Amino acid sequence: MKKGINIWSFTSGTLLDKFKLAADAGFEGVEVAIGETGELGLDATKEDLLKIKKAANDLGLEIYSVCNDLVWGNSLTSPDAEERER
């Protein structure tokens, strides 16, 4: 069985910092999180994503899954069509 950890388990630092902590703790993979802004924000380019993947792989980590925090401020059931679209 492989062990993975969600990136939100780490309270501060860059993604690379968090990847290093996960690898040092013996995890084999991570779940990264997409947000509106930040290293893995909606404006991240394909090049940005490939750099993130390479950083994880260089430390022996797989990116197991992706979660997001976009739903917290953008309800799919909102009466506001613009909010639902976001």
C-alpha atoms as a PDB file:
ATOM      1  CA  MET A   1       0.000   0.000   0.000  1.00  0.00           C
ATOM      2  CA  LYS A   2       1.233   3.469  -0.835  1.00  0.00           C
ATOM      3  CA  LYS A   3       0.905   6.414   1.555  1.00  0.00           C
ATOM      4  CA  GLY A   4      -0.117   9.861   0.399  1.00  0.00           C
ATOM      5  CA  ILE A   5      -0.926  13.148   2.081  1.00  0.00           C
ATOM      6  CA  ASN A   6      -3.021  16.176   1.187  1.00  0.00           C
ATOM      7  CA  ILE A   7      -1.019  19.351   0.683  1.00  0.00           C
ATOM      8  CA  TRP A   8      -3.364  21.195   3.097  1.00  0.00           C
ATOM      9  CA  SER A   9      -1.804  19.134   5.903  1.00  0.00           C
ATOM     10  CA  PHE A  10       1.134  21.561   5.770  1.00  0.00           C
ATOM     11  CA  THR A  11       0.454  25.008   7.166  1.00  0.00           C
ATOM     12  CA  SER A  12       3.050  27.097   5.367  1.00  0.00           C
ATOM     13  CA  GLY A  13       5.723  27.169   2.698  1.00  0.00           C
ATOM     14  CA  THR A  14       5.880  26.752  -1.044  1.00  0.00           C
ATOM     15  CA  LEU A  15       4.748  23.615  -2.825  1.00  0.00           C
ATOM     16  CA  LEU A  16       8.398  22.546  -3.030  1.00  0.00           C
ATOM     17  CA  ASP A  17       8.776  23.022   0.736  1.00  0.00           C
ATOM     18  CA  LYS A  18       5.667  20.909   1.303  1.00  0.00           C
ATOM     19  CA  PHE A  19       6.846  18.239  -1.136  1.00  0.00           C
ATOM     20  CA  LYS A  20      10.151  18.018   0.750  1.00  0.00           C
ATOM     21  CA  LEU A  21       8.342  17.629   4.080  1.00  0.00           C
ATOM     22  CA  ALA A  22       6.114  14.911   2.634  1.00  0.00           C
ATOM     23  CA  ALA A  23       9.062  13.013   1.155  1.00  0.00           C
ATOM     24  CA  ASP A  24      11.091  13.348   4.365  1.00  0.00           C
ATOM     25  CA  ALA A  25       8.127  11.982   6.352  1.00  0.00           C
ATOM     26  CA  GLY A  26       8.030   8.878   4.164  1.00  0.00           C
ATOM     27  CA  PHE A  27       5.019   9.652   2.014  1.00  0.00           C
ATOM     28  CA  GLU A  28       5.049   8.355  -1.538  1.00  0.00           C
ATOM     29  CA  GLY A  29       2.545  10.778  -2.977  1.00  0.00           C
ATOM     30  CA  VAL A  30       0.665  14.007  -2.456  1.00  0.00           C
ATOM     31  CA  GLU A  31      -2.720  15.446  -3.261  1.00  0.00           C
ATOM     32  CA  VAL A  32      -2.248  18.992  -4.533  1.00  0.00           C
ATOM     33  CA  ALA A  33      -4.889  21.721  -4.366  1.00  0.00           C
ATOM     34  CA  ILE A  34      -6.021  24.136  -7.043  1.00  0.00           C
ATOM     35  CA  GLY A  35      -7.035  27.615  -5.925  1.00  0.00           C
ATOM     36  CA  GLU A  36      -8.030  30.836  -7.604  1.00  0.00           C
ATOM     37  CA  THR A  37      -4.492  32.169  -7.089  1.00  0.00           C
ATOM     38  CA  GLY A  38      -1.092  30.856  -6.066  1.00  0.00           C
ATOM     39  CA  GLU A  39       1.396  28.382  -7.458  1.00  0.00           C
ATOM     40  CA  LEU A  40      -1.399  26.093  -8.611  1.00  0.00           C
ATOM     41  CA  GLY A  41      -3.945  28.811  -9.392  1.00  0.00           C
ATOM     42  CA  LEU A  42      -6.390  29.089 -12.224  1.00  0.00           C
ATOM     43  CA  ASP A  43      -3.859  31.151 -14.153  1.00  0.00           C
ATOM     44  CA  ALA A  44      -1.141  28.464 -13.975  1.00  0.00           C
ATOM     45  CA  THR A  45       0.246  27.590 -17.390  1.00  0.00           C
ATOM     46  CA  LYS A  46       1.046  24.142 -18.734  1.00  0.00           C
ATOM     47  CA  GLU A  47       4.713  24.961 -18.116  1.00  0.00           C
ATOM     48  CA  ASP A  48       3.917  25.810 -14.463  1.00  0.00           C
ATOM     49  CA  LEU A  49       2.093  22.510 -14.040  1.00  0.00           C
ATOM     50  CA  LEU A  50       4.940  20.527 -15.571  1.00  0.00           C
ATOM     51  CA  LYS A  51       7.415  22.223 -13.195  1.00  0.00           C
ATOM     52  CA  ILE A  52       5.238  21.254 -10.218  1.00  0.00           C
ATOM     53  CA  LYS A  53       5.029  17.672 -11.440  1.00  0.00           C
ATOM     54  CA  LYS A  54       8.802  17.528 -11.982  1.00  0.00           C
ATOM     55  CA  ALA A  55       9.498  18.930  -8.503  1.00  0.00           C
ATOM     56  CA  ALA A  56       7.349  16.195  -6.949  1.00  0.00           C
ATOM     57  CA  ASN A  57       8.870  13.474  -9.129  1.00  0.00           C
ATOM     58  CA  ASP A  58      12.432  14.630  -8.377  1.00  0.00           C
ATOM     59  CA  LEU A  59      11.694  13.962  -4.694  1.00  0.00           C
ATOM     60  CA  GLY A  60      10.255  10.529  -5.465  1.00  0.00           C
ATOM     61  CA  LEU A  61       6.641  11.650  -5.027  1.00  0.00           C
ATOM     62  CA  GLU A  62       3.653  10.987  -7.230  1.00  0.00           C
ATOM     63  CA  ILE A  63       0.799  13.448  -7.506  1.00  0.00           C
ATOM     64  CA  TYR A  64      -2.028  11.100  -6.589  1.00  0.00           C
ATOM     65  CA  SER A  65      -4.937  13.471  -6.965  1.00  0.00           C
ATOM     66  CA  VAL A  66      -6.054  17.081  -7.174  1.00  0.00           C
ATOM     67  CA  CYS A  67      -8.537  18.831  -4.904  1.00  0.00           C
ATOM     68  CA  ASN A  68      -9.781  22.395  -5.005  1.00  0.00           C
ATOM     69  CA  ASP A  69     -11.007  25.106  -2.725  1.00  0.00           C
ATOM     70  CA  LEU A  70     -12.960  26.915  -5.429  1.00  0.00           C
ATOM     71  CA  VAL A  71     -16.313  25.569  -4.248  1.00  0.00           C
ATOM     72  CA  TRP A  72     -16.121  27.323  -0.870  1.00  0.00           C
ATOM     73  CA  GLY A  73     -16.903  30.728  -2.352  1.00  0.00           C
ATOM     74  CA  ASN A  74     -18.689  29.551  -5.497  1.00  0.00           C
ATOM     75  CA  SER A  75     -21.765  27.506  -4.762  1.00  0.00           C
ATOM     76  CA  LEU A  76     -23.110  25.351  -7.587  1.00  0.00           C
ATOM     77  CA  THR A  77     -26.606  26.019  -6.233  1.00  0.00           C
ATOM     78  CA  SER A  78     -26.275  29.803  -5.890  1.00  0.00           C
ATOM     79  CA  PRO A  79     -29.103  31.882  -7.388  1.00  0.00           C
ATOM     80  CA  ASP A  80     -26.330  34.059  -8.908  1.00  0.00           C
ATOM     81  CA  ALA A  81     -25.500  32.682 -12.367  1.00  0.00           C
ATOM     82  CA  GLU A  82     -22.032  34.308 -12.357  1.00  0.00           C
ATOM     83  CA  GLU A  83     -21.142  32.579  -9.080  1.00  0.00           C
ATOM     84  CA  ARG A  84     -22.330  29.208 -10.409  1.00  0.00           C
ATOM     85  CA  GLU A  85     -20.223  29.688 -13.555  1.00  0.00           C
ATOM     86  CA  ARG A  86     -17.039  30.419 -11.565  1.00  0.00           C
END
